[in-house]
């Protein structure tokens, strides 16, 4: 678990062990640089930064290069947040869990900002409905038959 600073409290989120380990190593390196640079070290607390603590453009540069190689649309790094939410919703992860992962104070912020229904989600919900309440029409589309193994 890693603690993230949020207003007004710190919130713990679950991370993959390898990511948590990498972030801890990065933080240790930054602490060493902070001692080395002393008062010259930036007080902005960037996660990805140069040795002096100032913003590092390397991450964005690598992202741009990776996008070109992968032939993906021209998106910003922050747009990956939206992608994460949509893929999470499509995977059936509850909105409450996504709200927690994003650190939103209220679920309405998450729902209003990110919860769009995709074609994949519509298809999945129709399939789930059919398995819950199987229905069919006769050849003329006239009669409705409900069938269930429990009837």
N, C-alpha and C. Protein backbone atom coordinates (compact mmCIF):
# COMPACT_ATOMS: atom_id res chain seq x y z
N UNK A 1 0.83 -1.19 0.00
CA UNK A 1 0.00 0.00 0.00
C UNK A 1 0.87 1.25 0.00
N UNK A 2 0.42 2.24 -0.72
CA UNK A 2 1.13 3.51 -0.80
C UNK A 2 0.18 4.60 -0.36
N UNK A 3 0.67 5.56 0.40
CA UNK A 3 -0.17 6.67 0.82
C UNK A 3 -0.04 7.82 -0.17
N UNK A 4 -1.17 8.33 -0.59
CA UNK A 4 -1.21 9.47 -1.48
C UNK A 4 -1.72 10.68 -0.71
N UNK A 5 -1.09 11.83 -0.92
CA UNK A 5 -1.59 13.04 -0.28
C UNK A 5 -2.84 13.50 -0.99
N UNK A 6 -3.87 13.73 -0.22
CA UNK A 6 -5.12 14.25 -0.75
C UNK A 6 -5.67 15.24 0.24
N UNK A 7 -6.54 16.07 -0.21
CA UNK A 7 -7.21 16.99 0.70
C UNK A 7 -8.52 16.36 1.12
N UNK A 8 -8.85 16.27 2.36
CA UNK A 8 -8.10 16.72 3.52
C UNK A 8 -7.33 15.60 4.21
N UNK A 9 -7.21 14.41 3.60
CA UNK A 9 -6.59 13.30 4.30
C UNK A 9 -5.67 12.52 3.37
N UNK A 10 -4.92 11.61 3.95
CA UNK A 10 -4.10 10.72 3.14
C UNK A 10 -4.91 9.46 2.87
N UNK A 11 -4.85 8.98 1.65
CA UNK A 11 -5.66 7.84 1.24
C UNK A 11 -4.72 6.72 0.78
N UNK A 12 -4.95 5.52 1.23
CA UNK A 12 -4.14 4.37 0.83
C UNK A 12 -4.77 3.71 -0.39
N UNK A 13 -3.95 3.38 -1.37
CA UNK A 13 -4.42 2.65 -2.54
C UNK A 13 -3.54 1.42 -2.74
N UNK A 14 -4.11 0.39 -3.31
CA UNK A 14 -3.36 -0.82 -3.60
C UNK A 14 -2.61 -0.66 -4.91
N UNK A 15 -1.34 -1.03 -4.91
CA UNK A 15 -0.53 -1.00 -6.12
C UNK A 15 0.04 -2.40 -6.34
N UNK A 16 0.34 -2.68 -7.58
CA UNK A 16 1.04 -3.92 -7.88
C UNK A 16 2.37 -3.87 -7.12
N UNK A 17 2.81 -4.99 -6.54
CA UNK A 17 4.05 -5.00 -5.76
C UNK A 17 5.26 -4.45 -6.51
N UNK A 18 5.38 -4.78 -7.80
CA UNK A 18 6.54 -4.30 -8.57
C UNK A 18 6.50 -2.78 -8.75
N UNK A 19 5.30 -2.22 -8.95
CA UNK A 19 5.17 -0.77 -9.08
C UNK A 19 5.48 -0.08 -7.76
N UNK A 20 4.96 -0.64 -6.67
CA UNK A 20 5.23 -0.07 -5.35
C UNK A 20 6.74 -0.09 -5.07
N UNK A 21 7.39 -1.17 -5.43
CA UNK A 21 8.84 -1.29 -5.23
C UNK A 21 9.59 -0.25 -6.06
N UNK A 22 9.19 -0.09 -7.32
CA UNK A 22 9.84 0.91 -8.18
C UNK A 22 9.65 2.33 -7.65
N UNK A 23 8.46 2.63 -7.16
CA UNK A 23 8.20 3.96 -6.62
C UNK A 23 9.00 4.22 -5.34
N UNK A 24 9.16 3.18 -4.53
CA UNK A 24 9.97 3.32 -3.31
C UNK A 24 11.43 3.59 -3.67
N UNK A 25 11.95 2.88 -4.68
CA UNK A 25 13.33 3.11 -5.14
C UNK A 25 13.48 4.53 -5.67
N UNK A 26 12.49 4.98 -6.43
CA UNK A 26 12.52 6.34 -6.97
C UNK A 26 12.52 7.36 -5.84
N UNK A 27 11.68 7.14 -4.84
CA UNK A 27 11.61 8.06 -3.69
C UNK A 27 12.92 8.08 -2.93
N UNK A 28 13.56 6.93 -2.75
CA UNK A 28 14.85 6.86 -2.07
C UNK A 28 15.90 7.66 -2.83
N UNK A 29 15.91 7.50 -4.15
CA UNK A 29 16.85 8.26 -5.00
C UNK A 29 16.60 9.75 -4.87
N UNK A 30 15.33 10.16 -4.82
CA UNK A 30 15.00 11.57 -4.68
C UNK A 30 15.44 12.11 -3.32
N UNK A 31 15.31 11.30 -2.29
CA UNK A 31 15.74 11.74 -0.96
C UNK A 31 17.26 11.95 -0.92
N UNK A 32 17.99 11.07 -1.60
CA UNK A 32 19.45 11.23 -1.70
C UNK A 32 19.78 12.52 -2.43
N UNK A 33 19.06 12.78 -3.53
CA UNK A 33 19.30 14.02 -4.30
C UNK A 33 18.94 15.26 -3.49
N UNK A 34 17.91 15.15 -2.69
CA UNK A 34 17.49 16.28 -1.85
C UNK A 34 18.61 16.66 -0.87
N UNK A 35 19.25 15.64 -0.31
CA UNK A 35 20.39 15.90 0.59
C UNK A 35 21.54 16.50 -0.20
N UNK A 36 21.81 15.93 -1.37
CA UNK A 36 22.93 16.40 -2.20
C UNK A 36 22.75 17.84 -2.65
N UNK A 37 21.53 18.22 -3.07
CA UNK A 37 21.27 19.57 -3.58
C UNK A 37 20.92 20.57 -2.48
N UNK A 38 20.53 20.08 -1.32
CA UNK A 38 20.21 20.96 -0.20
C UNK A 38 19.10 21.95 -0.55
N UNK A 39 19.32 23.22 -0.26
CA UNK A 39 18.29 24.25 -0.47
C UNK A 39 18.01 24.50 -1.95
N UNK A 40 18.88 24.00 -2.83
CA UNK A 40 18.67 24.16 -4.28
C UNK A 40 17.64 23.16 -4.82
N UNK A 41 17.30 22.15 -4.00
CA UNK A 41 16.35 21.13 -4.44
C UNK A 41 14.95 21.75 -4.47
N UNK A 42 14.19 21.47 -5.52
CA UNK A 42 12.85 22.01 -5.68
C UNK A 42 11.91 21.54 -4.57
N UNK A 43 11.03 22.41 -4.15
CA UNK A 43 10.05 22.07 -3.12
C UNK A 43 8.69 21.66 -3.74
N UNK A 44 8.66 21.43 -5.05
CA UNK A 44 7.41 21.13 -5.75
C UNK A 44 6.98 19.67 -5.61
N UNK A 45 7.87 18.80 -5.19
CA UNK A 45 7.54 17.39 -4.94
C UNK A 45 6.97 16.64 -6.15
N UNK A 46 7.60 16.80 -7.29
CA UNK A 46 7.19 16.02 -8.46
C UNK A 46 7.58 14.56 -8.27
N UNK A 47 6.75 13.65 -8.77
CA UNK A 47 7.08 12.23 -8.71
C UNK A 47 8.19 11.93 -9.71
N UNK A 48 8.03 12.43 -10.93
CA UNK A 48 9.04 12.24 -11.97
C UNK A 48 9.75 13.56 -12.17
N UNK A 49 11.00 13.60 -11.76
CA UNK A 49 11.73 14.87 -11.80
C UNK A 49 13.20 14.65 -12.11
N UNK A 50 13.87 15.75 -12.39
CA UNK A 50 15.31 15.75 -12.58
C UNK A 50 15.97 15.60 -11.21
N UNK A 51 17.29 15.35 -11.18
CA UNK A 51 17.96 15.20 -9.89
C UNK A 51 17.78 16.39 -8.94
N UNK A 52 17.53 17.59 -9.49
CA UNK A 52 17.35 18.76 -8.63
C UNK A 52 15.89 18.94 -8.19
N UNK A 53 15.04 17.98 -8.55
CA UNK A 53 13.64 18.02 -8.12
C UNK A 53 12.71 18.77 -9.05
N UNK A 54 13.27 19.37 -10.09
CA UNK A 54 12.42 20.11 -11.03
C UNK A 54 11.79 19.14 -12.03
N UNK A 55 10.73 19.60 -12.65
CA UNK A 55 9.97 18.76 -13.58
C UNK A 55 10.85 18.16 -14.66
N UNK A 56 10.62 16.89 -14.90
CA UNK A 56 11.37 16.16 -15.92
C UNK A 56 10.47 15.93 -17.13
N UNK A 57 10.89 16.36 -18.27
CA UNK A 57 10.10 16.18 -19.50
C UNK A 57 10.35 14.81 -20.14
N UNK A 58 11.24 14.01 -19.56
CA UNK A 58 11.58 12.72 -20.14
C UNK A 58 10.37 11.79 -20.23
N UNK A 59 9.54 11.78 -19.20
CA UNK A 59 8.37 10.92 -19.20
C UNK A 59 7.45 11.27 -20.37
N UNK A 60 7.19 12.56 -20.54
CA UNK A 60 6.32 12.98 -21.64
C UNK A 60 6.96 12.68 -23.00
N UNK A 61 8.25 12.89 -23.10
CA UNK A 61 8.96 12.61 -24.35
C UNK A 61 8.87 11.12 -24.69
N UNK A 62 9.07 10.27 -23.69
CA UNK A 62 8.97 8.82 -23.90
C UNK A 62 7.54 8.43 -24.26
N UNK A 63 6.56 9.09 -23.65
CA UNK A 63 5.17 8.79 -23.95
C UNK A 63 4.84 9.15 -25.41
N UNK A 64 5.30 10.30 -25.86
CA UNK A 64 5.07 10.73 -27.24
C UNK A 64 5.71 9.73 -28.21
N UNK A 65 6.93 9.32 -27.92
CA UNK A 65 7.63 8.36 -28.77
C UNK A 65 6.89 7.02 -28.81
N UNK A 66 6.42 6.57 -27.66
CA UNK A 66 5.70 5.29 -27.57
C UNK A 66 4.38 5.36 -28.34
N UNK A 67 3.68 6.49 -28.24
CA UNK A 67 2.42 6.66 -28.98
C UNK A 67 2.65 6.53 -30.48
N UNK A 68 3.71 7.15 -30.96
CA UNK A 68 3.99 7.09 -32.40
C UNK A 68 4.27 5.65 -32.83
N UNK A 69 5.07 4.93 -32.05
CA UNK A 69 5.40 3.55 -32.38
C UNK A 69 4.16 2.66 -32.35
N UNK A 70 3.27 2.92 -31.40
CA UNK A 70 2.07 2.10 -31.24
C UNK A 70 0.94 2.54 -32.16
N UNK A 71 1.14 3.65 -32.86
CA UNK A 71 0.14 4.19 -33.78
C UNK A 71 -1.20 4.40 -33.08
N UNK A 72 -1.15 5.07 -31.92
CA UNK A 72 -2.37 5.40 -31.17
C UNK A 72 -2.71 6.87 -31.38
N UNK A 73 -3.94 7.24 -31.08
CA UNK A 73 -4.34 8.64 -31.27
C UNK A 73 -3.48 9.60 -30.45
N UNK A 74 -3.51 10.85 -30.82
CA UNK A 74 -2.75 11.87 -30.12
C UNK A 74 -3.45 12.21 -28.80
N UNK A 75 -3.06 11.52 -27.75
CA UNK A 75 -3.66 11.75 -26.43
C UNK A 75 -2.59 12.23 -25.46
N UNK A 76 -3.06 12.83 -24.38
CA UNK A 76 -2.14 13.28 -23.33
C UNK A 76 -2.00 12.18 -22.29
N UNK A 77 -0.96 12.26 -21.48
CA UNK A 77 -0.77 11.28 -20.41
C UNK A 77 -2.01 11.27 -19.51
N UNK A 78 -2.55 12.43 -19.21
CA UNK A 78 -3.71 12.51 -18.33
C UNK A 78 -4.92 11.78 -18.92
N UNK A 79 -4.99 11.69 -20.25
CA UNK A 79 -6.10 10.98 -20.89
C UNK A 79 -6.09 9.49 -20.55
N UNK A 80 -4.95 8.98 -20.12
CA UNK A 80 -4.87 7.57 -19.72
C UNK A 80 -5.73 7.31 -18.49
N UNK A 81 -5.97 8.34 -17.71
CA UNK A 81 -6.85 8.23 -16.53
C UNK A 81 -8.26 7.84 -16.99
N UNK A 82 -8.73 8.51 -18.04
CA UNK A 82 -10.05 8.21 -18.59
C UNK A 82 -10.08 6.78 -19.14
N UNK A 83 -9.02 6.41 -19.84
CA UNK A 83 -8.91 5.06 -20.40
C UNK A 83 -8.96 4.03 -19.27
N UNK A 84 -8.24 4.29 -18.19
CA UNK A 84 -8.26 3.40 -17.03
C UNK A 84 -9.69 3.21 -16.52
N UNK A 85 -10.43 4.30 -16.41
CA UNK A 85 -11.80 4.22 -15.89
C UNK A 85 -12.69 3.42 -16.84
N UNK A 86 -12.63 3.71 -18.12
CA UNK A 86 -13.48 3.00 -19.09
C UNK A 86 -13.16 1.51 -19.10
N UNK A 87 -11.88 1.16 -19.13
CA UNK A 87 -11.50 -0.25 -19.13
C UNK A 87 -11.91 -0.93 -17.83
N UNK A 88 -11.83 -0.21 -16.72
CA UNK A 88 -12.26 -0.75 -15.43
C UNK A 88 -13.76 -1.01 -15.43
N UNK A 89 -14.53 -0.05 -15.95
CA UNK A 89 -15.98 -0.24 -16.03
C UNK A 89 -16.33 -1.40 -16.95
N UNK A 90 -15.66 -1.50 -18.08
CA UNK A 90 -15.92 -2.60 -19.01
C UNK A 90 -15.57 -3.95 -18.38
N UNK A 91 -14.61 -3.94 -17.46
CA UNK A 91 -14.22 -5.18 -16.78
C UNK A 91 -15.17 -5.52 -15.64
N UNK A 92 -16.13 -4.63 -15.38
CA UNK A 92 -17.12 -4.89 -14.35
C UNK A 92 -16.71 -4.42 -12.96
N UNK A 93 -15.66 -3.63 -12.87
CA UNK A 93 -15.24 -3.10 -11.57
C UNK A 93 -16.27 -2.08 -11.11
N UNK A 94 -16.75 -2.19 -9.87
CA UNK A 94 -17.78 -1.27 -9.38
C UNK A 94 -17.30 0.18 -9.38
N UNK A 95 -18.22 1.08 -9.66
CA UNK A 95 -17.90 2.50 -9.70
C UNK A 95 -17.32 2.98 -8.37
N UNK A 96 -17.78 2.41 -7.26
CA UNK A 96 -17.27 2.79 -5.94
C UNK A 96 -15.78 2.49 -5.82
N UNK A 97 -15.34 1.35 -6.38
CA UNK A 97 -13.93 1.00 -6.35
C UNK A 97 -13.12 1.97 -7.21
N UNK A 98 -13.66 2.30 -8.37
CA UNK A 98 -12.97 3.24 -9.27
C UNK A 98 -12.87 4.60 -8.60
N UNK A 99 -13.94 5.04 -7.95
CA UNK A 99 -13.93 6.31 -7.21
C UNK A 99 -12.78 6.30 -6.20
N UNK A 100 -12.65 5.21 -5.48
CA UNK A 100 -11.59 5.09 -4.48
C UNK A 100 -10.21 5.14 -5.15
N UNK A 101 -10.05 4.38 -6.24
CA UNK A 101 -8.77 4.35 -6.95
C UNK A 101 -8.36 5.73 -7.47
N UNK A 102 -9.34 6.51 -7.92
CA UNK A 102 -9.05 7.84 -8.44
C UNK A 102 -8.88 8.88 -7.33
N UNK A 103 -9.34 8.54 -6.13
CA UNK A 103 -9.22 9.47 -5.01
C UNK A 103 -10.28 10.55 -5.00
N UNK A 104 -11.40 10.28 -5.66
CA UNK A 104 -12.49 11.27 -5.67
C UNK A 104 -13.22 11.26 -4.34
N UNK A 105 -13.58 12.44 -3.88
CA UNK A 105 -14.29 12.57 -2.61
C UNK A 105 -15.72 12.03 -2.70
N UNK A 106 -16.36 12.22 -3.84
CA UNK A 106 -17.74 11.73 -3.99
C UNK A 106 -17.85 10.92 -5.28
N UNK A 107 -18.76 9.96 -5.24
CA UNK A 107 -18.97 9.10 -6.41
C UNK A 107 -19.57 9.88 -7.57
N UNK A 108 -20.29 10.95 -7.27
CA UNK A 108 -20.90 11.73 -8.35
C UNK A 108 -19.83 12.38 -9.23
N UNK A 109 -18.70 12.75 -8.66
CA UNK A 109 -17.59 13.31 -9.46
C UNK A 109 -17.11 12.25 -10.45
N UNK A 110 -16.92 11.04 -9.96
CA UNK A 110 -16.46 9.94 -10.82
C UNK A 110 -17.48 9.64 -11.91
N UNK A 111 -18.74 9.50 -11.51
CA UNK A 111 -19.79 9.15 -12.47
C UNK A 111 -19.99 10.25 -13.51
N UNK A 112 -20.06 11.49 -13.06
CA UNK A 112 -20.31 12.59 -13.99
C UNK A 112 -19.14 12.80 -14.95
N UNK A 113 -17.94 12.54 -14.49
CA UNK A 113 -16.75 12.81 -15.31
C UNK A 113 -16.39 11.66 -16.22
N UNK A 114 -16.50 10.42 -15.73
CA UNK A 114 -15.93 9.29 -16.45
C UNK A 114 -16.90 8.21 -16.89
N UNK A 115 -18.04 8.07 -16.25
CA UNK A 115 -18.88 6.90 -16.49
C UNK A 115 -19.72 7.04 -17.75
N UNK A 116 -19.10 6.76 -18.89
CA UNK A 116 -19.80 6.75 -20.17
C UNK A 116 -20.06 5.29 -20.55
N UNK A 117 -21.18 5.04 -21.14
CA UNK A 117 -21.51 3.68 -21.55
C UNK A 117 -20.89 3.42 -22.92
N UNK A 118 -20.07 2.40 -23.01
CA UNK A 118 -19.45 2.04 -24.28
C UNK A 118 -20.26 0.93 -24.96
N UNK A 119 -19.97 0.69 -26.23
CA UNK A 119 -20.65 -0.38 -26.96
C UNK A 119 -20.40 -1.72 -26.28
N UNK A 120 -19.18 -1.92 -25.84
CA UNK A 120 -18.84 -3.18 -25.17
C UNK A 120 -19.66 -3.35 -23.89
N UNK A 121 -19.84 -2.27 -23.15
CA UNK A 121 -20.63 -2.34 -21.91
C UNK A 121 -22.09 -2.62 -22.22
N UNK A 122 -22.64 -2.00 -23.28
CA UNK A 122 -24.03 -2.25 -23.66
C UNK A 122 -24.22 -3.72 -24.06
N UNK A 123 -23.29 -4.23 -24.85
CA UNK A 123 -23.36 -5.61 -25.30
C UNK A 123 -23.29 -6.57 -24.11
N UNK A 124 -22.39 -6.28 -23.17
CA UNK A 124 -22.24 -7.13 -21.99
C UNK A 124 -23.51 -7.09 -21.12
N UNK A 125 -24.09 -5.91 -20.96
CA UNK A 125 -25.29 -5.80 -20.12
C UNK A 125 -26.47 -6.53 -20.77
N UNK A 126 -26.58 -6.46 -22.11
CA UNK A 126 -27.64 -7.20 -22.79
C UNK A 126 -27.46 -8.70 -22.62
N UNK A 127 -26.22 -9.15 -22.74
CA UNK A 127 -25.92 -10.58 -22.57
C UNK A 127 -26.24 -11.01 -21.13
N UNK A 128 -25.86 -10.20 -20.16
CA UNK A 128 -26.16 -10.52 -18.76
C UNK A 128 -27.66 -10.55 -18.51
N UNK A 129 -28.39 -9.61 -19.12
CA UNK A 129 -29.84 -9.58 -18.96
C UNK A 129 -30.47 -10.84 -19.55
N UNK A 130 -30.01 -11.22 -20.75
CA UNK A 130 -30.56 -12.42 -21.40
C UNK A 130 -30.32 -13.66 -20.55
N UNK A 131 -29.17 -13.74 -19.90
CA UNK A 131 -28.89 -14.91 -19.07
C UNK A 131 -29.71 -14.90 -17.79
N UNK A 132 -30.11 -13.72 -17.34
CA UNK A 132 -30.92 -13.60 -16.14
C UNK A 132 -32.39 -13.80 -16.46
N UNK A 133 -32.83 -13.25 -17.58
CA UNK A 133 -34.24 -13.30 -17.96
C UNK A 133 -34.32 -13.67 -19.45
N UNK A 134 -34.09 -14.95 -19.78
CA UNK A 134 -34.06 -15.34 -21.18
C UNK A 134 -35.44 -15.19 -21.83
N UNK A 135 -35.49 -14.49 -22.94
CA UNK A 135 -36.73 -14.30 -23.66
C UNK A 135 -36.50 -14.56 -25.14
N UNK A 136 -37.56 -14.92 -25.82
CA UNK A 136 -37.47 -15.11 -27.27
C UNK A 136 -38.83 -14.83 -27.88
N UNK A 137 -38.85 -14.58 -29.17
CA UNK A 137 -40.09 -14.36 -29.91
C UNK A 137 -40.27 -15.49 -30.90
N UNK A 138 -41.54 -15.76 -31.26
CA UNK A 138 -41.76 -16.77 -32.28
C UNK A 138 -41.31 -16.22 -33.63
N UNK A 139 -41.43 -17.04 -34.68
CA UNK A 139 -40.92 -16.65 -36.00
C UNK A 139 -41.52 -15.35 -36.51
N UNK A 140 -42.74 -15.06 -36.14
CA UNK A 140 -43.41 -13.84 -36.61
C UNK A 140 -43.13 -12.65 -35.70
N UNK A 141 -42.43 -12.87 -34.64
CA UNK A 141 -42.17 -11.80 -33.70
C UNK A 141 -43.37 -11.42 -32.87
N UNK A 142 -44.35 -12.30 -32.81
CA UNK A 142 -45.60 -11.99 -32.13
C UNK A 142 -45.60 -12.38 -30.66
N UNK A 143 -45.29 -13.63 -30.38
CA UNK A 143 -45.47 -14.14 -29.03
C UNK A 143 -44.16 -14.09 -28.26
N UNK A 144 -44.29 -13.80 -27.02
CA UNK A 144 -43.12 -13.73 -26.14
C UNK A 144 -43.13 -14.97 -25.26
N UNK A 145 -42.03 -15.70 -25.25
CA UNK A 145 -41.92 -16.88 -24.40
C UNK A 145 -40.81 -16.67 -23.39
N UNK A 146 -41.10 -16.88 -22.15
CA UNK A 146 -40.05 -16.89 -21.12
C UNK A 146 -39.68 -18.34 -20.91
N UNK A 147 -38.41 -18.60 -20.81
CA UNK A 147 -38.01 -19.97 -20.52
C UNK A 147 -36.94 -19.94 -19.46
N UNK A 148 -37.01 -20.94 -18.65
CA UNK A 148 -36.06 -21.05 -17.55
C UNK A 148 -36.02 -22.50 -17.11
N UNK A 149 -34.86 -22.94 -16.67
CA UNK A 149 -34.74 -24.30 -16.16
C UNK A 149 -35.52 -24.44 -14.85
N UNK A 150 -35.77 -23.31 -14.18
CA UNK A 150 -36.46 -23.34 -12.88
C UNK A 150 -37.97 -23.42 -13.03
N UNK A 151 -38.53 -23.23 -14.24
CA UNK A 151 -39.99 -23.26 -14.43
C UNK A 151 -40.49 -24.67 -14.58
